[in-house]
C-alpha atoms as a PDB file:
ATOM      1  CA  UNK A   1       0.000   0.000   0.000  1.00  0.00           C
ATOM      2  CA  UNK A   2       2.894   2.376   0.658  1.00  0.00           C
ATOM      3  CA  UNK A   3       3.866   2.025  -3.003  1.00  0.00           C
ATOM      4  CA  UNK A   4       0.490   3.344  -4.131  1.00  0.00           C
ATOM      5  CA  UNK A   5       0.892   6.426  -1.964  1.00  0.00           C
ATOM      6  CA  UNK A   6       4.351   6.940  -3.433  1.00  0.00           C
ATOM      7  CA  UNK A   7       2.953   6.584  -6.974  1.00  0.00           C
ATOM      8  CA  UNK A   8       0.260   9.156  -6.236  1.00  0.00           C
ATOM      9  CA  UNK A   9       2.902  11.532  -4.927  1.00  0.00           C
ATOM     10  CA  UNK A  10       4.979  11.091  -8.068  1.00  0.00           C
ATOM     11  CA  UNK A  11       1.917  11.765 -10.220  1.00  0.00           C
ATOM     12  CA  UNK A  12       1.129  14.896  -8.235  1.00  0.00           C
ATOM     13  CA  UNK A  13       4.709  16.119  -8.511  1.00  0.00           C
ATOM     14  CA  UNK A  14       4.767  15.478 -12.257  1.00  0.00           C
ATOM     15  CA  UNK A  15       1.437  17.250 -12.751  1.00  0.00           C
ATOM     16  CA  UNK A  16       2.557  20.277 -10.743  1.00  0.00           C
ATOM     17  CA  UNK A  17       5.869  20.411 -12.554  1.00  0.00           C
ATOM     18  CA  UNK A  18       4.208  20.076 -15.973  1.00  0.00           C
ATOM     19  CA  UNK A  19       1.784  22.871 -15.055  1.00  0.00           C
ATOM     20  CA  UNK A  20       4.434  25.252 -13.754  1.00  0.00           C
ATOM     21  CA  UNK A  21       7.432  24.529 -15.991  1.00  0.00           C
ATOM     22  CA  UNK A  22       6.652  24.975 -19.696  1.00  0.00           C
ATOM     23  CA  UNK A  23      10.046  23.621 -20.787  1.00  0.00           C
ATOM     24  CA  UNK A  24       9.581  20.443 -18.729  1.00  0.00           C
ATOM     25  CA  UNK A  25       6.060  20.023 -20.117  1.00  0.00           C
ATOM     26  CA  UNK A  26       7.279  20.282 -23.710  1.00  0.00           C
ATOM     27  CA  UNK A  27      10.091  17.823 -23.033  1.00  0.00           C
ATOM     28  CA  UNK A  28       7.715  15.436 -21.246  1.00  0.00           C
ATOM     29  CA  UNK A  29       5.505  15.518 -24.305  1.00  0.00           C
ATOM     30  CA  UNK A  30       8.285  15.178 -26.907  1.00  0.00           C
ATOM     31  CA  UNK A  31      10.871  13.045 -25.101  1.00  0.00           C
ATOM     32  CA  UNK A  32       9.486  11.659 -21.818  1.00  0.00           C
ATOM     33  CA  UNK A  33      12.547   9.525 -21.070  1.00  0.00           C
ATOM     34  CA  UNK A  34      14.811  12.561 -21.243  1.00  0.00           C
ATOM     35  CA  UNK A  35      12.397  14.653 -19.157  1.00  0.00           C
ATOM     36  CA  UNK A  36      12.325  11.960 -16.484  1.00  0.00           C
ATOM     37  CA  UNK A  37      16.076  11.406 -16.797  1.00  0.00           C
ATOM     38  CA  UNK A  38      15.870   7.709 -17.625  1.00  0.00           C
ATOM     39  CA  UNK A  39      17.298   5.800 -20.591  1.00  0.00           C
ATOM     40  CA  UNK A  40      14.043   4.092 -21.479  1.00  0.00           C
ATOM     41  CA  UNK A  41      10.537   4.382 -20.064  1.00  0.00           C
ATOM     42  CA  UNK A  42       8.932   1.331 -18.569  1.00  0.00           C
ATOM     43  CA  UNK A  43       5.391   0.526 -19.623  1.00  0.00           C
ATOM     44  CA  UNK A  44       4.189   1.892 -16.283  1.00  0.00           C
ATOM     45  CA  UNK A  45       6.135   5.124 -16.715  1.00  0.00           C
ATOM     46  CA  UNK A  46       4.851   5.582 -20.274  1.00  0.00           C
ATOM     47  CA  UNK A  47       1.288   5.117 -19.032  1.00  0.00           C
ATOM     48  CA  UNK A  48       1.907   7.566 -16.193  1.00  0.00           C
ATOM     49  CA  UNK A  49       3.248  10.193 -18.615  1.00  0.00           C
ATOM     50  CA  UNK A  50       0.129   9.852 -20.775  1.00  0.00           C
ATOM     51  CA  UNK A  51      -2.083  10.265 -17.709  1.00  0.00           C
ATOM     52  CA  UNK A  52      -0.119  13.273 -16.464  1.00  0.00           C
ATOM     53  CA  UNK A  53      -0.277  15.015 -19.855  1.00  0.00           C
ATOM     54  CA  UNK A  54      -4.016  14.318 -20.089  1.00  0.00           C
ATOM     55  CA  UNK A  55      -4.550  15.717 -16.570  1.00  0.00           C
ATOM     56  CA  UNK A  56      -2.555  18.825 -17.382  1.00  0.00           C
ATOM     57  CA  UNK A  57      -4.524  19.365 -20.591  1.00  0.00           C
ATOM     58  CA  UNK A  58      -7.790  19.037 -18.656  1.00  0.00           C
ATOM     59  CA  UNK A  59      -6.601  21.436 -15.963  1.00  0.00           C
ATOM     60  CA  UNK A  60      -5.590  23.958 -18.626  1.00  0.00           C
ATOM     61  CA  UNK A  61      -9.068  23.718 -20.183  1.00  0.00           C
ATOM     62  CA  UNK A  62     -10.724  24.271 -16.813  1.00  0.00           C
ATOM     63  CA  UNK A  63      -8.512  27.257 -16.009  1.00  0.00           C
ATOM     64  CA  UNK A  64      -9.173  28.761 -19.416  1.00  0.00           C
ATOM     65  CA  UNK A  65     -12.923  28.373 -18.946  1.00  0.00           C
ATOM     66  CA  UNK A  66     -12.774  29.920 -15.490  1.00  0.00           C
ATOM     67  CA  UNK A  67     -10.686  32.817 -16.761  1.00  0.00           C
ATOM     68  CA  UNK A  68     -13.273  33.475 -19.462  1.00  0.00           C
ATOM     69  CA  UNK A  69     -16.040  33.459 -16.868  1.00  0.00           C
ATOM     70  CA  UNK A  70     -14.166  35.732 -14.466  1.00  0.00           C
ATOM     71  CA  UNK A  71     -12.908  38.203 -17.050  1.00  0.00           C
ATOM     72  CA  UNK A  72     -15.810  38.216 -19.458  1.00  0.00           C
ATOM     73  CA  UNK A  73     -19.130  37.868 -17.726  1.00  0.00           C
ATOM     74  CA  UNK A  74     -21.473  36.559 -20.374  1.00  0.00           C
ATOM     75  CA  UNK A  75     -24.513  38.695 -20.143  1.00  0.00           C
ATOM     76  CA  UNK A  76     -24.941  40.898 -23.121  1.00  0.00           C
ATOM     77  CA  UNK A  77     -22.260  43.543 -23.027  1.00  0.00           C
ATOM     78  CA  UNK A  78     -19.346  41.429 -24.114  1.00  0.00           C
ATOM     79  CA  UNK A  79     -16.082  41.280 -22.326  1.00  0.00           C
ATOM     80  CA  UNK A  80     -15.761  44.901 -21.356  1.00  0.00           C
ATOM     81  CA  UNK A  81     -11.990  44.831 -21.586  1.00  0.00           C
ATOM     82  CA  UNK A  82     -10.639  47.602 -23.774  1.00  0.00           C
END
């Protein structure tokens, strides 16, 4: 069970890093082994990278939607930002 907690922590760290470090995110997407500093990804690591990138993409979509709502109240007058 301790391993699962460790895996969740790694996922969280990868997600946070991919969200906050654009260079790492690009490298994780283009060359995951290099980003993770390993010679070759295991099947588990490759799956984890796919999940992390999908999570980050979803988080970006949510943030973008929230930003639109906060900055541009939809109610007739448009965005109101000059």
